[in-house]
């Protein structure tokens, strides 16, 4: 009997240490995947700020999702009043398709998730850092064109909620977000 108990104890110890090792390996893989994602994002976006890259990684934004990142201002406008209306959602997703984001893509799923649950201020700050990084890679005319395009799409989202007979369709909160978007481009 004592030998049987010793064997069981040893088997339990072995199992415990196998589970611990598997957990450590899993955590190491997660860290390596997050590091790889940060490096890929930095290469694609030009963002060097580790905090911003960490925020994007935590929000499940990968290098292949930069197209979704470009539409963050639209999401921000949609959430400006504290909720996203069906028409605002439709305007954001319509803009996504117009920008070449396929319905079945990870980028589209990210946008959908951000429209379901407000992503928080960290995402907008990450987008602002993205715009700052862009400034050093494109000329003034390209930056102006991008600003006009994004602001136009953002205004479409703000207008989508409506108003009464077209009056007051853009709320004060939406105007504030639109101003912040413009300011991000102006540096």
N, C-alpha and C. Protein backbone atom coordinates (compact mmCIF):
# COMPACT_ATOMS: atom_id res chain seq x y z
N UNK A 1 0.80 -1.20 0.00
CA UNK A 1 0.00 0.00 0.00
C UNK A 1 0.85 1.27 0.00
N UNK A 2 1.86 1.33 0.89
CA UNK A 2 2.64 2.56 0.91
C UNK A 2 3.24 2.87 -0.45
N UNK A 3 3.65 1.82 -1.19
CA UNK A 3 4.23 2.03 -2.50
C UNK A 3 3.17 2.60 -3.45
N UNK A 4 1.93 2.14 -3.35
CA UNK A 4 0.84 2.61 -4.18
C UNK A 4 0.55 4.09 -3.91
N UNK A 5 0.56 4.48 -2.64
CA UNK A 5 0.35 5.88 -2.29
C UNK A 5 1.49 6.75 -2.82
N UNK A 6 2.68 6.26 -2.72
CA UNK A 6 3.84 7.00 -3.21
C UNK A 6 3.76 7.17 -4.73
N UNK A 7 3.28 6.12 -5.41
CA UNK A 7 3.13 6.21 -6.87
C UNK A 7 2.07 7.25 -7.25
N UNK A 8 0.98 7.27 -6.51
CA UNK A 8 -0.11 8.24 -6.77
C UNK A 8 0.39 9.66 -6.51
N UNK A 9 1.10 9.81 -5.38
CA UNK A 9 1.64 11.13 -5.05
C UNK A 9 2.59 11.60 -6.15
N UNK A 10 3.46 10.72 -6.60
CA UNK A 10 4.41 11.07 -7.66
C UNK A 10 3.66 11.42 -8.96
N UNK A 11 2.62 10.67 -9.27
CA UNK A 11 1.84 10.94 -10.48
C UNK A 11 1.16 12.31 -10.37
N UNK A 12 0.62 12.64 -9.20
CA UNK A 12 0.01 13.95 -8.99
C UNK A 12 1.04 15.07 -9.11
N UNK A 13 2.20 14.87 -8.53
CA UNK A 13 3.27 15.87 -8.63
C UNK A 13 3.68 16.07 -10.09
N UNK A 14 3.85 14.95 -10.79
CA UNK A 14 4.24 15.03 -12.20
C UNK A 14 3.20 15.81 -13.01
N UNK A 15 1.94 15.50 -12.75
CA UNK A 15 0.85 16.17 -13.46
C UNK A 15 0.84 17.67 -13.15
N UNK A 16 1.04 18.01 -11.88
CA UNK A 16 1.07 19.41 -11.47
C UNK A 16 2.16 20.17 -12.23
N UNK A 17 3.35 19.59 -12.28
CA UNK A 17 4.46 20.28 -12.94
C UNK A 17 4.28 20.32 -14.46
N UNK A 18 3.62 19.31 -15.04
CA UNK A 18 3.31 19.35 -16.47
C UNK A 18 2.34 20.49 -16.77
N UNK A 19 1.32 20.64 -15.91
CA UNK A 19 0.34 21.72 -16.09
C UNK A 19 1.02 23.08 -15.95
N UNK A 20 1.90 23.22 -14.96
CA UNK A 20 2.63 24.47 -14.75
C UNK A 20 3.49 24.80 -15.97
N UNK A 21 4.17 23.79 -16.47
CA UNK A 21 5.04 24.00 -17.63
C UNK A 21 4.21 24.38 -18.86
N UNK A 22 3.09 23.72 -19.06
CA UNK A 22 2.22 24.03 -20.20
C UNK A 22 1.70 25.46 -20.10
N UNK A 23 1.35 25.90 -18.91
CA UNK A 23 0.88 27.26 -18.71
C UNK A 23 1.98 28.28 -19.01
N UNK A 24 3.19 27.98 -18.56
CA UNK A 24 4.32 28.88 -18.83
C UNK A 24 4.62 28.95 -20.33
N UNK A 25 4.55 27.82 -21.00
CA UNK A 25 4.78 27.79 -22.45
C UNK A 25 3.70 28.61 -23.15
N UNK A 26 2.47 28.47 -22.71
CA UNK A 26 1.36 29.22 -23.30
C UNK A 26 1.55 30.73 -23.11
N UNK A 27 1.93 31.14 -21.91
CA UNK A 27 2.18 32.56 -21.64
C UNK A 27 3.33 33.09 -22.50
N UNK A 28 4.37 32.28 -22.66
CA UNK A 28 5.52 32.68 -23.47
C UNK A 28 5.09 32.85 -24.93
N UNK A 29 4.27 31.93 -25.43
CA UNK A 29 3.79 32.04 -26.81
C UNK A 29 2.95 33.30 -26.99
N UNK A 30 2.10 33.60 -26.02
CA UNK A 30 1.28 34.81 -26.08
C UNK A 30 2.16 36.06 -26.11
N UNK A 31 3.19 36.08 -25.27
CA UNK A 31 4.10 37.23 -25.25
C UNK A 31 4.83 37.38 -26.58
N UNK A 32 5.29 36.27 -27.13
CA UNK A 32 5.99 36.32 -28.41
C UNK A 32 5.06 36.77 -29.53
N UNK A 33 3.82 36.29 -29.51
CA UNK A 33 2.85 36.70 -30.54
C UNK A 33 2.54 38.19 -30.41
N UNK A 34 2.38 38.68 -29.19
CA UNK A 34 2.12 40.10 -28.98
C UNK A 34 3.31 40.94 -29.44
N UNK A 35 4.52 40.49 -29.14
CA UNK A 35 5.72 41.21 -29.58
C UNK A 35 5.81 41.23 -31.10
N UNK A 36 5.54 40.11 -31.72
CA UNK A 36 5.57 40.05 -33.19
C UNK A 36 4.53 41.00 -33.77
N UNK A 37 3.33 41.02 -33.18
CA UNK A 37 2.27 41.92 -33.66
C UNK A 37 2.69 43.38 -33.52
N UNK A 38 3.30 43.74 -32.38
CA UNK A 38 3.77 45.12 -32.18
C UNK A 38 4.80 45.49 -33.24
N UNK A 39 5.72 44.58 -33.52
CA UNK A 39 6.76 44.85 -34.53
C UNK A 39 6.15 45.02 -35.91
N UNK A 40 5.19 44.17 -36.26
CA UNK A 40 4.53 44.28 -37.56
C UNK A 40 3.74 45.56 -37.67
N UNK A 41 3.02 45.92 -36.61
CA UNK A 41 2.27 47.17 -36.61
C UNK A 41 3.21 48.37 -36.76
N UNK A 42 4.30 48.34 -36.05
CA UNK A 42 5.27 49.43 -36.13
C UNK A 42 5.79 49.58 -37.56
N UNK A 43 6.05 48.46 -38.20
CA UNK A 43 6.57 48.49 -39.57
C UNK A 43 5.52 49.02 -40.55
N UNK A 44 4.28 48.62 -40.38
CA UNK A 44 3.22 49.02 -41.31
C UNK A 44 2.75 50.45 -41.06
N UNK A 45 2.58 50.80 -39.78
CA UNK A 45 2.00 52.11 -39.43
C UNK A 45 3.03 53.20 -39.20
N UNK A 46 4.22 52.82 -38.87
CA UNK A 46 5.23 53.82 -38.54
C UNK A 46 5.13 54.30 -37.11
N UNK A 47 4.30 53.67 -36.31
CA UNK A 47 4.15 54.04 -34.90
C UNK A 47 5.30 53.40 -34.12
N UNK A 48 5.94 54.21 -33.29
CA UNK A 48 7.06 53.70 -32.50
C UNK A 48 6.75 53.66 -31.00
N UNK A 49 5.71 54.34 -30.58
CA UNK A 49 5.36 54.42 -29.18
C UNK A 49 4.87 53.05 -28.68
N UNK A 50 5.61 52.48 -27.75
CA UNK A 50 5.29 51.13 -27.25
C UNK A 50 3.92 51.07 -26.59
N UNK A 51 3.52 52.13 -25.91
CA UNK A 51 2.21 52.16 -25.25
C UNK A 51 1.10 52.09 -26.28
N UNK A 52 1.25 52.83 -27.36
CA UNK A 52 0.25 52.82 -28.43
C UNK A 52 0.20 51.44 -29.08
N UNK A 53 1.36 50.87 -29.34
CA UNK A 53 1.40 49.54 -29.95
C UNK A 53 0.78 48.50 -29.03
N UNK A 54 1.03 48.61 -27.73
CA UNK A 54 0.41 47.70 -26.76
C UNK A 54 -1.11 47.86 -26.76
N UNK A 55 -1.58 49.10 -26.81
CA UNK A 55 -3.02 49.35 -26.84
C UNK A 55 -3.65 48.70 -28.06
N UNK A 56 -3.03 48.89 -29.21
CA UNK A 56 -3.56 48.29 -30.44
C UNK A 56 -3.57 46.77 -30.35
N UNK A 57 -2.50 46.21 -29.80
CA UNK A 57 -2.43 44.75 -29.65
C UNK A 57 -3.53 44.25 -28.73
N UNK A 58 -3.77 44.94 -27.62
CA UNK A 58 -4.83 44.55 -26.69
C UNK A 58 -6.21 44.66 -27.33
N UNK A 59 -6.35 45.58 -28.30
CA UNK A 59 -7.62 45.75 -29.01
C UNK A 59 -7.72 44.82 -30.22
N UNK A 60 -6.80 43.88 -30.33
CA UNK A 60 -6.79 42.87 -31.39
C UNK A 60 -6.56 43.46 -32.77
N UNK A 61 -5.86 44.59 -32.84
CA UNK A 61 -5.53 45.20 -34.12
C UNK A 61 -4.17 44.67 -34.55
N UNK A 62 -4.15 44.01 -35.70
CA UNK A 62 -2.91 43.50 -36.25
C UNK A 62 -2.49 44.33 -37.46
N UNK A 63 -1.34 44.01 -38.00
CA UNK A 63 -0.83 44.75 -39.16
C UNK A 63 -1.80 44.66 -40.33
N UNK A 64 -2.52 43.55 -40.44
CA UNK A 64 -3.48 43.38 -41.52
C UNK A 64 -4.76 44.18 -41.28
N UNK A 65 -4.87 44.84 -40.13
CA UNK A 65 -6.08 45.60 -39.78
C UNK A 65 -5.89 47.11 -39.87
N UNK A 66 -4.85 47.55 -40.51
CA UNK A 66 -4.59 48.98 -40.60
C UNK A 66 -5.75 49.68 -41.30
N UNK A 67 -6.41 48.99 -42.23
CA UNK A 67 -7.56 49.60 -42.90
C UNK A 67 -8.67 49.91 -41.89
N UNK A 68 -8.86 49.06 -40.90
CA UNK A 68 -9.85 49.34 -39.86
C UNK A 68 -9.38 50.51 -38.99
N UNK A 69 -8.10 50.57 -38.74
CA UNK A 69 -7.54 51.66 -37.93
C UNK A 69 -7.81 53.01 -38.58
N UNK A 70 -7.76 53.06 -39.89
CA UNK A 70 -8.00 54.33 -40.58
C UNK A 70 -9.42 54.83 -40.39
N UNK A 71 -10.34 53.94 -40.05
CA UNK A 71 -11.75 54.33 -39.88
C UNK A 71 -12.15 54.56 -38.42
N UNK A 72 -11.18 54.56 -37.53
CA UNK A 72 -11.45 54.82 -36.12
C UNK A 72 -12.19 56.15 -35.91
N UNK A 73 -11.86 57.22 -36.65
CA UNK A 73 -12.61 58.47 -36.45
C UNK A 73 -14.12 58.31 -36.67
N UNK A 74 -14.50 57.46 -37.60
CA UNK A 74 -15.91 57.24 -37.87
C UNK A 74 -16.58 56.56 -36.68
N UNK A 75 -15.86 55.59 -36.10
CA UNK A 75 -16.37 54.90 -34.91
C UNK A 75 -16.50 55.90 -33.76
N UNK A 76 -15.52 56.77 -33.64
CA UNK A 76 -15.52 57.77 -32.57
C UNK A 76 -16.73 58.70 -32.71
N UNK A 77 -17.03 59.13 -33.92
CA UNK A 77 -18.19 59.99 -34.17
C UNK A 77 -19.48 59.23 -33.86
N UNK A 78 -19.53 57.98 -34.26
CA UNK A 78 -20.74 57.18 -34.02
C UNK A 78 -21.03 57.07 -32.52
N UNK A 79 -19.98 56.97 -31.70
CA UNK A 79 -20.15 56.83 -30.25
C UNK A 79 -20.23 58.17 -29.52
N UNK A 80 -20.09 59.28 -30.23
CA UNK A 80 -20.01 60.60 -29.59
C UNK A 80 -21.18 60.88 -28.65
N UNK A 81 -22.36 60.44 -29.01
CA UNK A 81 -23.55 60.70 -28.17
C UNK A 81 -23.82 59.59 -27.16
N UNK A 82 -22.90 58.65 -27.05
CA UNK A 82 -23.05 57.60 -26.04
C UNK A 82 -23.67 56.32 -26.54
N UNK A 83 -24.20 56.32 -27.75
CA UNK A 83 -24.72 55.09 -28.35
C UNK A 83 -24.61 55.20 -29.87
N UNK A 84 -24.68 54.06 -30.53
CA UNK A 84 -24.57 54.02 -31.99
C UNK A 84 -25.94 53.66 -32.53
N UNK A 85 -26.48 54.54 -33.38
CA UNK A 85 -27.78 54.26 -34.01
C UNK A 85 -27.57 53.31 -35.18
N UNK A 86 -28.65 52.71 -35.62
CA UNK A 86 -28.59 51.80 -36.77
C UNK A 86 -28.07 52.53 -38.01
N UNK A 87 -28.48 53.77 -38.19
CA UNK A 87 -28.05 54.54 -39.36
C UNK A 87 -26.56 54.90 -39.26
N UNK A 88 -26.07 55.18 -38.07
CA UNK A 88 -24.64 55.46 -37.89
C UNK A 88 -23.82 54.20 -38.19
N UNK A 89 -24.29 53.07 -37.67
CA UNK A 89 -23.62 51.79 -37.92
C UNK A 89 -23.55 51.53 -39.42
N UNK A 90 -24.68 51.74 -40.07
CA UNK A 90 -24.75 51.52 -41.51
C UNK A 90 -23.77 52.44 -42.25
N UNK A 91 -23.68 53.69 -41.83
CA UNK A 91 -22.78 54.65 -42.48
C UNK A 91 -21.32 54.23 -42.30
N UNK A 92 -20.96 53.77 -41.12
CA UNK A 92 -19.57 53.33 -40.87
C UNK A 92 -19.25 52.11 -41.72
N UNK A 93 -20.14 51.13 -41.72
CA UNK A 93 -19.87 49.90 -42.46
C UNK A 93 -19.90 50.14 -43.98
N UNK A 94 -20.75 51.06 -44.43
CA UNK A 94 -20.77 51.44 -45.85
C UNK A 94 -19.44 52.07 -46.23
N UNK A 95 -18.91 52.93 -45.37
CA UNK A 95 -17.60 53.55 -45.62
C UNK A 95 -16.51 52.49 -45.65
N UNK A 96 -16.64 51.50 -44.78
CA UNK A 96 -15.64 50.42 -44.74
C UNK A 96 -15.60 49.66 -46.06
N UNK A 97 -16.76 49.32 -46.57
CA UNK A 97 -16.83 48.61 -47.85
C UNK A 97 -16.27 49.49 -48.97
N UNK A 98 -16.59 50.78 -48.94
CA UNK A 98 -16.08 51.72 -49.95
C UNK A 98 -14.55 51.83 -49.88
N UNK A 99 -13.98 51.61 -48.70
CA UNK A 99 -12.53 51.65 -48.52
C UNK A 99 -11.87 50.30 -48.83
N UNK A 100 -12.67 49.33 -49.26
CA UNK A 100 -12.12 48.03 -49.65
C UNK A 100 -12.05 47.01 -48.54
N UNK A 101 -12.75 47.25 -47.43
CA UNK A 101 -12.77 46.29 -46.33
C UNK A 101 -13.90 45.29 -46.59
N UNK A 102 -13.53 44.06 -46.86
CA UNK A 102 -14.50 43.01 -47.18
C UNK A 102 -15.34 42.64 -45.96
N UNK A 103 -16.58 42.27 -46.22
CA UNK A 103 -17.50 41.90 -45.13
C UNK A 103 -16.96 40.79 -44.25
N UNK A 104 -16.29 39.83 -44.83
CA UNK A 104 -15.83 38.66 -44.07
C UNK A 104 -14.44 38.84 -43.48
N UNK A 105 -13.87 40.04 -43.59
CA UNK A 105 -12.50 40.24 -43.13
C UNK A 105 -12.42 40.49 -41.63
N UNK A 106 -11.21 40.32 -41.09
CA UNK A 106 -10.96 40.60 -39.68
C UNK A 106 -11.16 42.09 -39.40
N UNK A 107 -10.78 42.94 -40.34
CA UNK A 107 -10.96 44.39 -40.18
C UNK A 107 -12.44 44.74 -40.03
N UNK A 108 -13.27 44.11 -40.83
CA UNK A 108 -14.72 44.36 -40.75
C UNK A 108 -15.26 43.89 -39.40
N UNK A 109 -14.79 42.74 -38.95
CA UNK A 109 -15.21 42.21 -37.65
C UNK A 109 -14.79 43.15 -36.52
N UNK A 110 -13.59 43.73 -36.64
CA UNK A 110 -13.13 44.69 -35.64
C UNK A 110 -14.04 45.91 -35.60
N UNK A 111 -14.35 46.45 -36.77
CA UNK A 111 -15.26 47.60 -36.83
C UNK A 111 -16.60 47.26 -36.20
N UNK A 112 -17.10 46.09 -36.53
CA UNK A 112 -18.38 45.64 -35.96
C UNK A 112 -18.30 45.59 -34.43
N UNK A 113 -17.21 45.04 -33.92
CA UNK A 113 -17.03 44.94 -32.47
C UNK A 113 -16.95 46.33 -31.85
N UNK A 114 -16.24 47.26 -32.50
CA UNK A 114 -16.13 48.61 -31.98
C UNK A 114 -17.46 49.34 -32.01
N UNK A 115 -18.33 48.96 -32.93
CA UNK A 115 -19.66 49.57 -32.99
C UNK A 115 -20.62 48.95 -31.99
N UNK A 116 -20.33 47.71 -31.58
CA UNK A 116 -21.15 47.04 -30.57
C UNK A 116 -20.82 47.53 -29.16
N UNK A 117 -19.54 47.74 -28.93
CA UNK A 117 -19.08 48.16 -27.60
C UNK A 117 -18.05 49.26 -27.78
N UNK A 118 -18.27 50.38 -27.14
CA UNK A 118 -17.35 51.52 -27.27
C UNK A 118 -15.93 51.08 -26.95
N UNK A 119 -14.98 51.33 -27.86
CA UNK A 119 -13.62 50.85 -27.67
C UNK A 119 -12.79 51.63 -26.66
N UNK A 120 -13.24 52.77 -26.22
CA UNK A 120 -12.47 53.54 -25.24
C UNK A 120 -11.55 54.54 -25.91
N UNK A 121 -11.07 55.46 -25.12
CA UNK A 121 -10.25 56.57 -25.61
C UNK A 121 -8.90 56.11 -26.14
N UNK A 122 -8.40 54.99 -25.66
CA UNK A 122 -7.10 54.50 -26.11
C UNK A 122 -7.03 54.25 -27.60
N UNK A 123 -8.13 53.82 -28.19
CA UNK A 123 -8.15 53.55 -29.62
C UNK A 123 -8.02 54.86 -30.41
N UNK A 124 -8.72 55.88 -29.99
CA UNK A 124 -8.61 57.17 -30.69
C UNK A 124 -7.20 57.75 -30.53
N UNK A 125 -6.62 57.59 -29.37
CA UNK A 125 -5.25 58.05 -29.16
C UNK A 125 -4.28 57.28 -30.06
N UNK A 126 -4.53 55.98 -30.23
CA UNK A 126 -3.69 55.18 -31.12
C UNK A 126 -3.84 55.67 -32.56
N UNK A 127 -5.06 56.00 -32.96
CA UNK A 127 -5.28 56.54 -34.30
C UNK A 127 -4.55 57.87 -34.47
N UNK A 128 -4.61 58.72 -33.46
CA UNK A 128 -3.91 60.00 -33.51
C UNK A 128 -2.41 59.78 -33.69
N UNK A 129 -1.84 58.80 -33.00
CA UNK A 129 -0.42 58.47 -33.18
C UNK A 129 -0.15 57.96 -34.59
N UNK A 130 -1.07 57.21 -35.13
CA UNK A 130 -0.95 56.73 -36.50
C UNK A 130 -0.88 57.91 -37.47
N UNK A 131 -1.76 58.91 -37.27
CA UNK A 131 -1.76 60.09 -38.13
C UNK A 131 -0.44 60.86 -37.98
N UNK A 132 0.06 60.97 -36.76
CA UNK A 132 1.35 61.63 -36.53
C UNK A 132 2.46 60.92 -37.31
N UNK A 133 2.45 59.59 -37.27
CA UNK A 133 3.47 58.82 -37.98
C UNK A 133 3.33 59.01 -39.49
N UNK A 134 2.10 59.09 -39.96
CA UNK A 134 1.86 59.30 -41.39
C UNK A 134 2.45 60.61 -41.88
N UNK A 135 2.37 61.64 -41.04
CA UNK A 135 2.84 62.97 -41.41
C UNK A 135 4.27 62.96 -41.94
N UNK A 136 5.10 62.08 -41.40
CA UNK A 136 6.50 62.04 -41.84
C UNK A 136 6.70 61.19 -43.09
N UNK A 137 5.65 60.51 -43.54
CA UNK A 137 5.78 59.62 -44.69
C UNK A 137 5.05 60.10 -45.95
N UNK A 138 4.15 61.06 -45.79
CA UNK A 138 3.43 61.54 -46.97
C UNK A 138 3.53 63.06 -47.05
N UNK A 139 3.36 63.60 -48.25
CA UNK A 139 3.51 65.05 -48.40
C UNK A 139 2.23 65.78 -47.97
N UNK A 140 2.32 67.08 -47.93
CA UNK A 140 1.24 67.92 -47.41
C UNK A 140 -0.05 67.75 -48.22
N UNK A 141 0.07 67.65 -49.53
CA UNK A 141 -1.14 67.52 -50.36
C UNK A 141 -1.84 66.18 -50.10
N UNK A 142 -1.05 65.12 -49.91
CA UNK A 142 -1.64 63.81 -49.60
C UNK A 142 -2.30 63.84 -48.22
N UNK A 143 -1.66 64.50 -47.27
CA UNK A 143 -2.22 64.60 -45.93
C UNK A 143 -3.52 65.40 -45.96
N UNK A 144 -3.55 66.46 -46.74
CA UNK A 144 -4.76 67.28 -46.86
C UNK A 144 -5.89 66.46 -47.49
N UNK A 145 -5.57 65.70 -48.52
CA UNK A 145 -6.57 64.86 -49.17
C UNK A 145 -7.11 63.80 -48.20
N UNK A 146 -6.22 63.20 -47.44
CA UNK A 146 -6.63 62.19 -46.45
C UNK A 146 -7.53 62.83 -45.39
N UNK A 147 -7.14 63.99 -44.91
CA UNK A 147 -7.93 64.71 -43.91
C UNK A 147 -9.33 64.99 -44.44
N UNK A 148 -9.42 65.51 -45.65
CA UNK A 148 -10.72 65.82 -46.24
C UNK A 148 -11.57 64.57 -46.41
N UNK A 149 -10.93 63.49 -46.83
CA UNK A 149 -11.65 62.23 -47.02
C UNK A 149 -12.21 61.70 -45.69
N UNK A 150 -11.34 61.64 -44.68
CA UNK A 150 -11.76 61.12 -43.37
C UNK A 150 -12.81 62.03 -42.74
N UNK A 151 -12.61 63.33 -42.80
CA UNK A 151 -13.60 64.26 -42.24
C UNK A 151 -14.92 64.18 -43.00
N UNK A 152 -14.87 63.99 -44.31
CA UNK A 152 -16.10 63.83 -45.09
C UNK A 152 -16.88 62.60 -44.66
N UNK A 153 -16.16 61.48 -44.50
CA UNK A 153 -16.80 60.25 -44.05
C UNK A 153 -17.33 60.39 -42.62
N UNK A 154 -16.56 61.07 -41.78
CA UNK A 154 -16.99 61.28 -40.39
C UNK A 154 -18.24 62.16 -40.33
N UNK A 155 -18.29 63.18 -41.19
CA UNK A 155 -19.50 64.02 -41.27
C UNK A 155 -20.70 63.20 -41.74
N UNK A 156 -20.46 62.27 -42.67
CA UNK A 156 -21.55 61.40 -43.14
C UNK A 156 -22.12 60.58 -41.98
N UNK A 157 -21.24 60.09 -41.12
CA UNK A 157 -21.69 59.32 -39.95
C UNK A 157 -22.47 60.23 -39.00
N UNK A 158 -21.95 61.44 -38.76
CA UNK A 158 -22.64 62.39 -37.87
C UNK A 158 -24.01 62.77 -38.43
N UNK A 159 -24.09 62.95 -39.74
CA UNK A 159 -25.36 63.30 -40.37
C UNK A 159 -26.35 62.14 -40.39
N UNK A 160 -25.84 60.92 -40.31
CA UNK A 160 -26.69 59.74 -40.43
C UNK A 160 -27.73 59.65 -39.32
N UNK A 161 -27.40 60.16 -38.15
CA UNK A 161 -28.35 60.07 -37.03
C UNK A 161 -29.58 60.92 -37.30
N UNK A 162 -29.47 61.88 -38.19
CA UNK A 162 -30.65 62.66 -38.59
C UNK A 162 -30.78 63.96 -37.85
N UNK A 163 -31.90 64.21 -37.35
CA UNK A 163 -32.27 65.50 -36.81
C UNK A 163 -33.70 65.74 -37.28
N UNK A 164 -34.20 66.90 -37.06
CA UNK A 164 -35.57 67.19 -37.48
C UNK A 164 -35.52 68.06 -38.72
N UNK A 165 -35.97 67.52 -39.84
CA UNK A 165 -35.96 68.22 -41.13
C UNK A 165 -34.55 68.70 -41.50
N UNK A 166 -33.56 67.91 -41.12
CA UNK A 166 -32.18 68.25 -41.47
C UNK A 166 -31.57 69.31 -40.59
N UNK A 167 -32.30 69.77 -39.58
CA UNK A 167 -31.79 70.81 -38.69
C UNK A 167 -31.26 70.14 -37.43
N UNK A 168 -30.10 70.54 -37.04
CA UNK A 168 -29.53 69.99 -35.80
C UNK A 168 -29.12 68.54 -35.92
N UNK A 169 -28.76 68.11 -37.14
CA UNK A 169 -28.43 66.71 -37.32
C UNK A 169 -27.07 66.34 -36.71
N UNK A 170 -26.19 67.30 -36.53
CA UNK A 170 -24.90 67.03 -35.91
C UNK A 170 -24.93 67.61 -34.50
N UNK A 171 -24.78 66.72 -33.53
CA UNK A 171 -24.86 67.14 -32.13
C UNK A 171 -23.60 67.87 -31.70
N UNK A 172 -23.66 68.50 -30.55
CA UNK A 172 -22.49 69.17 -29.98
C UNK A 172 -21.36 68.19 -29.71
N UNK A 173 -21.70 67.01 -29.21
CA UNK A 173 -20.68 65.99 -28.93
C UNK A 173 -20.01 65.53 -30.23
N UNK A 174 -20.80 65.39 -31.28
CA UNK A 174 -20.24 64.98 -32.57
C UNK A 174 -19.34 66.08 -33.14
N UNK A 175 -19.75 67.34 -32.98
CA UNK A 175 -18.93 68.46 -33.45
C UNK A 175 -17.58 68.47 -32.73
N UNK A 176 -17.61 68.15 -31.45
CA UNK A 176 -16.37 68.12 -30.66
C UNK A 176 -15.43 67.02 -31.19
N UNK A 177 -15.98 65.85 -31.50
CA UNK A 177 -15.17 64.76 -32.04
C UNK A 177 -14.64 65.13 -33.41
N UNK A 178 -15.48 65.74 -34.25
CA UNK A 178 -15.04 66.18 -35.58
C UNK A 178 -13.88 67.16 -35.47
N UNK A 179 -13.96 68.06 -34.50
CA UNK A 179 -12.87 69.02 -34.29
C UNK A 179 -11.59 68.31 -33.87
N UNK A 180 -11.72 67.29 -33.02
CA UNK A 180 -10.55 66.54 -32.56
C UNK A 180 -9.92 65.78 -33.73
N UNK A 181 -10.75 65.28 -34.63
CA UNK A 181 -10.24 64.58 -35.82
C UNK A 181 -9.43 65.56 -36.68
N UNK A 182 -10.01 66.72 -36.93
CA UNK A 182 -9.31 67.73 -37.72
C UNK A 182 -8.00 68.15 -37.06
N UNK A 183 -8.03 68.31 -35.76
CA UNK A 183 -6.83 68.73 -35.02
C UNK A 183 -5.73 67.66 -35.13
N UNK A 184 -6.11 66.40 -35.15
CA UNK A 184 -5.11 65.33 -35.26
C UNK A 184 -4.34 65.44 -36.58
N UNK A 185 -5.01 65.84 -37.63
CA UNK A 185 -4.34 66.00 -38.91
C UNK A 185 -3.45 67.24 -38.96
N UNK A 186 -3.84 68.26 -38.19
CA UNK A 186 -3.10 69.51 -38.20
C UNK A 186 -1.86 69.48 -37.31
N UNK A 187 -1.84 68.49 -36.41
CA UNK A 187 -0.67 68.33 -35.55
C UNK A 187 -0.63 69.37 -34.53
